[in-house]
Amino acid sequence: PPVGVSKACSSCVRTADVKEACTQCDQFVCQNCSRLCSCCNTVTCSLCSTVDYGDFGEQVLCNGCSIFQV
């Protein structure tokens, strides 16, 4: 991106840091909207992650890891 151009979060449209992007869809996501996958520790947005309410409490899983947690 050109210098001085800010990127907006894909969820809340706040300014997101350029290094904060969803590893699944590459959309920019701010720190408040980003989720960290409990399995592979990658940053994802709310659209590319699911919350598993299992026996071990609440776990955030990216789309890639959630298909293995059936």
N, C-alpha and C. Protein backbone atom coordinates (compact mmCIF):
# COMPACT_ATOMS: atom_id res chain seq x y z
N PRO A 1 0.83 -1.20 0.00
CA PRO A 1 0.00 0.00 0.00
C PRO A 1 0.86 1.25 0.00
N PRO A 2 0.37 2.34 -0.56
CA PRO A 2 1.13 3.59 -0.55
C PRO A 2 1.36 4.09 0.87
N VAL A 3 2.45 4.81 1.06
CA VAL A 3 2.79 5.33 2.38
C VAL A 3 1.72 6.31 2.82
N GLY A 4 1.30 6.22 4.08
CA GLY A 4 0.32 7.14 4.63
C GLY A 4 -1.12 6.68 4.46
N VAL A 5 -1.35 5.58 3.75
CA VAL A 5 -2.70 5.07 3.58
C VAL A 5 -2.96 4.04 4.66
N SER A 6 -4.02 4.25 5.44
CA SER A 6 -4.32 3.31 6.50
C SER A 6 -5.26 2.22 5.98
N LYS A 7 -5.22 1.08 6.61
CA LYS A 7 -6.09 -0.02 6.25
C LYS A 7 -7.20 -0.10 7.29
N ALA A 8 -8.39 -0.42 6.85
CA ALA A 8 -9.53 -0.51 7.75
C ALA A 8 -9.80 -1.97 8.10
N CYS A 9 -10.23 -2.19 9.31
CA CYS A 9 -10.61 -3.51 9.78
C CYS A 9 -11.82 -3.99 8.99
N SER A 10 -11.82 -5.23 8.56
CA SER A 10 -12.92 -5.77 7.78
C SER A 10 -14.18 -5.97 8.61
N SER A 11 -14.06 -5.98 9.95
CA SER A 11 -15.22 -6.19 10.81
C SER A 11 -15.84 -4.89 11.30
N CYS A 12 -15.01 -4.00 11.87
CA CYS A 12 -15.56 -2.80 12.51
C CYS A 12 -15.18 -1.51 11.80
N VAL A 13 -14.37 -1.58 10.76
CA VAL A 13 -13.94 -0.47 9.92
C VAL A 13 -13.03 0.51 10.68
N ARG A 14 -12.52 0.13 11.83
CA ARG A 14 -11.51 0.94 12.51
C ARG A 14 -10.19 0.73 11.78
N THR A 15 -9.25 1.62 12.02
CA THR A 15 -7.94 1.49 11.40
C THR A 15 -7.23 0.26 11.97
N ALA A 16 -6.72 -0.56 11.10
CA ALA A 16 -5.98 -1.76 11.50
C ALA A 16 -4.53 -1.59 11.12
N ASP A 17 -3.65 -2.16 11.93
CA ASP A 17 -2.24 -2.14 11.62
C ASP A 17 -2.01 -3.01 10.38
N VAL A 18 -1.10 -2.62 9.53
CA VAL A 18 -0.86 -3.34 8.27
C VAL A 18 -0.44 -4.78 8.54
N LYS A 19 0.25 -5.04 9.64
CA LYS A 19 0.71 -6.40 9.93
C LYS A 19 -0.40 -7.29 10.50
N GLU A 20 -1.56 -6.69 10.83
CA GLU A 20 -2.66 -7.47 11.38
C GLU A 20 -3.62 -7.86 10.27
N ALA A 21 -3.48 -9.06 9.76
CA ALA A 21 -4.37 -9.56 8.71
C ALA A 21 -4.75 -10.99 9.04
N CYS A 22 -5.96 -11.34 8.65
CA CYS A 22 -6.45 -12.70 8.86
C CYS A 22 -5.62 -13.66 8.01
N THR A 23 -5.17 -14.74 8.62
CA THR A 23 -4.36 -15.71 7.89
C THR A 23 -5.19 -16.57 6.95
N GLN A 24 -6.51 -16.54 7.11
CA GLN A 24 -7.39 -17.34 6.26
C GLN A 24 -7.82 -16.58 5.00
N CYS A 25 -8.24 -15.31 5.15
CA CYS A 25 -8.79 -14.57 4.00
C CYS A 25 -7.98 -13.33 3.65
N ASP A 26 -6.93 -13.03 4.42
CA ASP A 26 -6.04 -11.89 4.18
C ASP A 26 -6.71 -10.53 4.33
N GLN A 27 -7.90 -10.48 4.92
CA GLN A 27 -8.54 -9.20 5.21
C GLN A 27 -7.87 -8.59 6.44
N PHE A 28 -7.78 -7.26 6.45
CA PHE A 28 -7.19 -6.59 7.61
C PHE A 28 -8.16 -6.65 8.77
N VAL A 29 -7.63 -6.83 9.96
CA VAL A 29 -8.45 -6.94 11.16
C VAL A 29 -7.73 -6.23 12.30
N CYS A 30 -8.47 -5.43 13.07
CA CYS A 30 -7.86 -4.69 14.18
C CYS A 30 -7.67 -5.64 15.37
N GLN A 31 -6.96 -5.16 16.37
CA GLN A 31 -6.65 -6.00 17.52
C GLN A 31 -7.91 -6.39 18.30
N ASN A 32 -8.92 -5.52 18.32
CA ASN A 32 -10.16 -5.83 19.04
C ASN A 32 -10.99 -6.91 18.36
N CYS A 33 -10.91 -7.00 17.05
CA CYS A 33 -11.72 -7.96 16.30
C CYS A 33 -10.97 -9.24 15.95
N SER A 34 -9.67 -9.26 16.12
CA SER A 34 -8.91 -10.45 15.75
C SER A 34 -9.11 -11.55 16.79
N ARG A 35 -9.02 -12.76 16.31
CA ARG A 35 -9.12 -13.94 17.19
C ARG A 35 -7.90 -14.81 16.96
N LEU A 36 -7.42 -15.40 18.02
CA LEU A 36 -6.25 -16.27 17.95
C LEU A 36 -6.71 -17.72 18.04
N CYS A 37 -6.38 -18.51 17.04
CA CYS A 37 -6.77 -19.91 17.01
C CYS A 37 -6.11 -20.66 18.17
N SER A 38 -6.91 -21.39 18.92
CA SER A 38 -6.39 -22.15 20.06
C SER A 38 -5.53 -23.32 19.63
N CYS A 39 -5.67 -23.76 18.40
CA CYS A 39 -4.94 -24.92 17.92
C CYS A 39 -3.60 -24.55 17.28
N CYS A 40 -3.63 -23.62 16.30
CA CYS A 40 -2.39 -23.32 15.55
C CYS A 40 -1.85 -21.91 15.83
N ASN A 41 -2.51 -21.15 16.71
CA ASN A 41 -2.06 -19.82 17.13
C ASN A 41 -1.94 -18.81 16.00
N THR A 42 -2.81 -18.90 14.97
CA THR A 42 -2.80 -17.91 13.90
C THR A 42 -3.92 -16.90 14.13
N VAL A 43 -3.74 -15.71 13.60
CA VAL A 43 -4.73 -14.64 13.72
C VAL A 43 -5.80 -14.83 12.66
N THR A 44 -7.06 -14.78 13.08
CA THR A 44 -8.18 -14.89 12.15
C THR A 44 -9.22 -13.82 12.45
N CYS A 45 -10.07 -13.55 11.47
CA CYS A 45 -11.18 -12.63 11.69
C CYS A 45 -12.39 -13.43 12.18
N SER A 46 -13.46 -12.74 12.52
CA SER A 46 -14.64 -13.42 13.06
C SER A 46 -15.32 -14.31 12.02
N LEU A 47 -15.18 -13.96 10.73
CA LEU A 47 -15.82 -14.76 9.68
C LEU A 47 -15.05 -16.05 9.39
N CYS A 48 -13.77 -16.07 9.69
CA CYS A 48 -12.93 -17.24 9.39
C CYS A 48 -12.62 -18.07 10.62
N SER A 49 -13.39 -17.90 11.67
CA SER A 49 -13.16 -18.69 12.88
C SER A 49 -14.48 -19.07 13.51
N THR A 50 -14.45 -20.11 14.29
CA THR A 50 -15.62 -20.56 15.02
C THR A 50 -15.22 -20.73 16.48
N VAL A 51 -16.21 -20.66 17.37
CA VAL A 51 -15.97 -20.85 18.79
C VAL A 51 -16.55 -22.20 19.17
N ASP A 52 -15.71 -23.05 19.73
CA ASP A 52 -16.12 -24.39 20.16
C ASP A 52 -16.38 -24.34 21.66
N TYR A 53 -17.62 -24.62 22.06
CA TYR A 53 -17.99 -24.64 23.47
C TYR A 53 -18.00 -26.09 23.94
N GLY A 54 -16.82 -26.66 24.08
CA GLY A 54 -16.70 -28.07 24.43
C GLY A 54 -16.51 -28.27 25.92
N ASP A 55 -16.06 -29.47 26.27
CA ASP A 55 -15.85 -29.85 27.67
C ASP A 55 -14.73 -29.06 28.32
N PHE A 56 -13.82 -28.51 27.52
CA PHE A 56 -12.66 -27.81 28.06
C PHE A 56 -12.87 -26.30 28.06
N GLY A 57 -14.10 -25.84 27.92
CA GLY A 57 -14.36 -24.41 27.88
C GLY A 57 -14.42 -23.89 26.45
N GLU A 58 -14.37 -22.60 26.34
CA GLU A 58 -14.49 -21.94 25.05
C GLU A 58 -13.16 -21.94 24.31
N GLN A 59 -13.16 -22.43 23.07
CA GLN A 59 -11.96 -22.44 22.25
C GLN A 59 -12.26 -21.80 20.90
N VAL A 60 -11.38 -20.92 20.46
CA VAL A 60 -11.49 -20.33 19.13
C VAL A 60 -10.70 -21.20 18.17
N LEU A 61 -11.32 -21.56 17.06
CA LEU A 61 -10.66 -22.38 16.05
C LEU A 61 -10.80 -21.72 14.68
N CYS A 62 -9.69 -21.63 13.95
CA CYS A 62 -9.76 -21.11 12.59
C CYS A 62 -10.47 -22.15 11.72
N ASN A 63 -10.90 -21.75 10.54
CA ASN A 63 -11.60 -22.67 9.64
C ASN A 63 -10.76 -23.88 9.29
N GLY A 64 -9.44 -23.69 9.18
CA GLY A 64 -8.57 -24.81 8.87
C GLY A 64 -8.51 -25.86 9.97
N CYS A 65 -8.48 -25.41 11.21
CA CYS A 65 -8.40 -26.36 12.34
C CYS A 65 -9.77 -26.89 12.74
N SER A 66 -10.83 -26.14 12.51
CA SER A 66 -12.16 -26.56 12.96
C SER A 66 -12.65 -27.81 12.24
N ILE A 67 -12.18 -28.06 11.01
CA ILE A 67 -12.63 -29.26 10.31
C ILE A 67 -12.05 -30.53 10.92
N PHE A 68 -10.98 -30.40 11.71
CA PHE A 68 -10.38 -31.56 12.37
C PHE A 68 -10.94 -31.78 13.76
N GLN A 69 -11.72 -30.83 14.27
CA GLN A 69 -12.27 -30.91 15.64
C GLN A 69 -13.73 -31.34 15.61
N VAL A 70 -14.01 -32.48 15.06
CA VAL A 70 -15.41 -32.94 14.94
C VAL A 70 -15.75 -33.85 16.08
